Protein backbone atom coordinates (compact mmCIF):
# COMPACT_ATOMS: atom_id res chain seq x y z
CA UNK A 1 0.41 16.86 9.75
CA UNK A 2 3.56 17.63 7.78
CA UNK A 3 5.04 14.47 6.25
CA UNK A 4 8.25 14.35 4.28
CA UNK A 5 8.89 11.37 2.04
CA UNK A 6 12.39 10.42 1.05
CA UNK A 7 13.82 7.36 -0.68
CA UNK A 8 14.98 4.63 1.68
CA UNK A 9 18.76 4.23 1.70
CA UNK A 10 20.49 0.85 1.89
CA UNK A 11 21.63 1.54 5.46
CA UNK A 12 18.00 2.16 6.49
CA UNK A 13 16.48 -0.82 4.72
CA UNK A 14 16.64 -3.33 7.59
CA UNK A 15 14.87 -0.99 10.06
CA UNK A 16 12.37 0.04 7.35
CA UNK A 17 11.43 -3.57 6.65
CA UNK A 18 11.21 -4.39 10.36
CA UNK A 19 8.81 -1.47 11.02
CA UNK A 20 6.74 -2.41 7.97
CA UNK A 21 6.55 -6.06 9.00
CA UNK A 22 5.61 -5.19 12.57
CA UNK A 23 2.78 -2.92 11.38
CA UNK A 24 1.38 -5.64 9.10
CA UNK A 25 1.83 -8.36 11.72
CA UNK A 26 -0.01 -6.38 14.40
CA UNK A 27 -2.80 -5.47 11.98
CA UNK A 28 -3.37 -9.17 11.34
CA UNK A 29 -3.09 -10.09 15.04
CA UNK A 30 -5.75 -7.48 15.81
CA UNK A 31 -8.15 -9.28 13.44
CA UNK A 32 -7.25 -12.95 13.84
CA UNK A 33 -5.28 -13.15 17.09
CA UNK A 34 -1.75 -14.42 17.52
CA UNK A 35 -0.18 -16.28 14.61
CA UNK A 36 3.15 -17.99 14.06
CA UNK A 37 3.03 -17.04 10.40
CA UNK A 38 4.97 -14.01 9.20
CA UNK A 39 2.36 -11.83 7.55
CA UNK A 40 4.76 -9.88 5.34
CA UNK A 41 7.86 -12.01 4.72
CA UNK A 42 11.15 -10.45 3.61
CA UNK A 43 10.70 -12.11 0.22
CA UNK A 44 7.44 -10.23 -0.45
CA UNK A 45 9.07 -6.91 0.38
CA UNK A 46 12.11 -7.78 -1.74
CA UNK A 47 9.80 -8.73 -4.65
CA UNK A 48 8.22 -5.26 -4.46
CA UNK A 49 11.59 -3.54 -4.25
CA UNK A 50 12.91 -5.43 -7.33
CA UNK A 51 10.06 -4.41 -9.61
CA UNK A 52 10.95 -2.12 -12.48
CA UNK A 53 10.09 1.42 -11.41
CA UNK A 54 9.90 0.61 -7.68
CA UNK A 55 10.57 3.39 -5.18
CA UNK A 56 10.67 2.79 -1.43
CA UNK A 57 9.80 5.87 0.60
CA UNK A 58 10.14 6.45 4.31
CA UNK A 59 7.77 8.95 5.88
CA UNK A 60 9.17 11.32 8.48
CA UNK A 61 7.25 13.70 10.76
CA UNK A 62 8.96 15.83 13.39
CA UNK A 63 12.24 13.98 12.81
CA UNK A 64 10.72 10.52 13.46
CA UNK A 65 10.00 7.78 10.92
CA UNK A 66 6.24 7.21 11.06
CA UNK A 67 5.67 4.93 8.09
CA UNK A 68 6.44 4.46 4.46
CA UNK A 69 5.39 3.11 1.11
CA UNK A 70 6.63 1.20 -1.89
CA UNK A 71 5.24 2.42 -5.19
CA UNK A 72 5.87 1.14 -8.70
CA UNK A 73 5.97 3.90 -11.30
CA UNK A 74 5.44 3.21 -15.01
CA UNK A 75 6.36 6.46 -16.72
CA UNK A 76 5.20 5.15 -20.10
CA UNK A 77 1.64 4.12 -19.23
CA UNK A 78 1.29 6.35 -16.13
CA UNK A 79 -0.66 3.46 -14.58
CA UNK A 80 1.12 3.18 -11.25
CA UNK A 81 0.84 0.75 -8.37
CA UNK A 82 0.91 1.19 -4.62
CA UNK A 83 2.49 -2.07 -3.51
CA UNK A 84 2.73 -1.32 0.21
CA UNK A 85 1.73 1.56 2.43
CA UNK A 86 2.23 1.32 6.16
CA UNK A 87 1.95 3.46 9.24
CA UNK A 88 4.32 2.51 12.03
CA UNK A 89 2.56 0.49 14.73
CA UNK A 90 1.47 2.67 17.63
CA UNK A 91 0.88 5.87 15.65
CA UNK A 92 -2.13 4.85 13.53
CA UNK A 93 -5.39 6.84 13.34
CA UNK A 94 -3.64 10.21 13.41
CA UNK A 95 -3.89 11.10 9.71
CA UNK A 96 -0.40 9.80 8.91
CA UNK A 97 -1.50 7.35 6.21
CA UNK A 98 -3.55 10.01 4.47
CA UNK A 99 -0.64 12.48 4.68
CA UNK A 100 1.72 9.86 3.21
CA UNK A 101 -0.69 9.30 0.34
CA UNK A 102 -1.11 13.03 -0.39
CA UNK A 103 2.66 13.34 -0.57
CA UNK A 104 2.88 10.35 -2.95
CA UNK A 105 0.32 11.98 -5.22
CA UNK A 106 2.26 15.26 -5.08
CA UNK A 107 5.51 13.50 -6.00
CA UNK A 108 3.90 11.69 -8.95
CA UNK A 109 1.57 14.24 -10.59
CA UNK A 110 1.66 12.57 -14.03
CA UNK A 111 -0.09 9.45 -12.75
CA UNK A 112 -3.31 8.69 -14.62
CA UNK A 113 -4.37 5.67 -12.56
CA UNK A 114 -3.23 4.37 -9.18
CA UNK A 115 -3.92 0.74 -8.30
CA UNK A 116 -3.54 -1.29 -5.11
CA UNK A 117 -4.92 -4.41 -3.44
CA UNK A 118 -5.85 -5.28 0.13
CA UNK A 119 -7.21 -8.41 1.83
CA UNK A 120 -10.96 -8.59 2.42
CA UNK A 121 -10.51 -8.74 6.21
CA UNK A 122 -8.63 -5.43 6.42
CA UNK A 123 -11.70 -3.33 7.09
CA UNK A 124 -9.56 -0.37 8.17
CA UNK A 125 -7.72 -0.49 4.83
CA UNK A 126 -10.94 -0.74 2.84
CA UNK A 127 -12.32 2.30 4.70
CA UNK A 128 -9.01 4.12 4.23
CA UNK A 129 -8.70 3.56 0.49
CA UNK A 130 -12.34 4.25 -0.36
CA UNK A 131 -13.45 6.87 2.17
CA UNK A 132 -10.20 8.71 2.85
CA UNK A 133 -8.22 8.47 -0.39
CA UNK A 134 -10.92 8.26 -3.06
CA UNK A 135 -10.12 4.84 -4.50
CA UNK A 136 -12.85 2.62 -5.93
CA UNK A 137 -13.13 -1.14 -5.51
CA UNK A 138 -12.99 -2.46 -9.07
CA UNK A 139 -12.37 -6.18 -8.62
CA UNK A 140 -12.82 -8.86 -5.98
CA UNK A 141 -10.46 -11.82 -6.07
CA UNK A 142 -11.79 -15.09 -4.64
CA UNK A 143 -11.43 -18.86 -5.27
CA UNK A 144 -13.48 -18.55 -8.46
CA UNK A 145 -11.57 -15.47 -9.66
CA UNK A 146 -7.93 -15.66 -8.58
CA UNK A 147 -5.29 -13.01 -9.00
CA UNK A 148 -2.14 -14.32 -10.67
CA UNK A 149 -0.09 -11.84 -8.59
CA UNK A 150 -1.30 -12.75 -5.08
CA UNK A 151 0.45 -15.78 -3.55
CA UNK A 152 -1.86 -18.61 -2.41
CA UNK A 153 -0.18 -18.78 1.00
CA UNK A 154 -0.79 -15.12 1.83
CA UNK A 155 -2.93 -14.45 4.90
CA UNK A 156 -6.33 -13.53 3.57
CA UNK A 157 -6.03 -16.42 1.18
CA UNK A 158 -7.93 -15.96 -2.02
CA UNK A 159 -10.01 -12.97 -0.92
CA UNK A 160 -8.68 -9.57 -1.96
CA UNK A 161 -10.07 -6.31 -3.30
CA UNK A 162 -8.37 -4.45 -6.12
CA UNK A 163 -8.76 -0.69 -5.97
CA UNK A 164 -8.18 2.03 -8.54
CA UNK A 165 -8.01 5.78 -8.31
CA UNK A 166 -8.35 7.58 -11.61
CA UNK A 167 -6.49 10.89 -11.58
CA UNK A 168 -6.80 14.07 -13.65
CA UNK A 169 -10.24 13.97 -15.19
CA UNK A 170 -13.45 12.04 -15.04
CA UNK A 171 -13.78 10.93 -18.67
CA UNK A 172 -11.86 7.70 -18.13
CA UNK A 173 -13.73 7.01 -14.90
CA UNK A 174 -17.08 7.53 -16.64
CA UNK A 175 -16.12 4.86 -19.22
CA UNK A 176 -15.82 2.27 -16.43
CA UNK A 177 -19.40 2.70 -15.22
């Protein structure tokens, strides 16, 4: 599948956030059932967008927006973060997420390490990051080992995995074993 990533313009931001929120909401509903809680509040998205080095991408295939991502690029350390990756609800399981990720890697070839987190209950995400994208689970946040960056009121609570993908060489990865 051919995916083109482009930065999200201000005029597109409201629709972008709505699609992203719907995808996250439905992913949670599919695991836990209906909830009155907003899974990905505007404030969380805005926090990601305000980070130094943040880039919001929309993913387009055949003229239609099919997903997107927010990455945070640190050109100095080349240790970059995937804050949010989403596939528009209704078009999952078609290779779109993997195509989005390949394009992100292509756009940021100087990255040494990518990092991201996902809640423990998101089995599809865990499979996706490890088995499809080549990330490794490197840390498990829980009540005895909390992440200072994950809000306490987030669905999934205190249980999150942190993943890393070491790029360009295995020497650094071998040091972690």
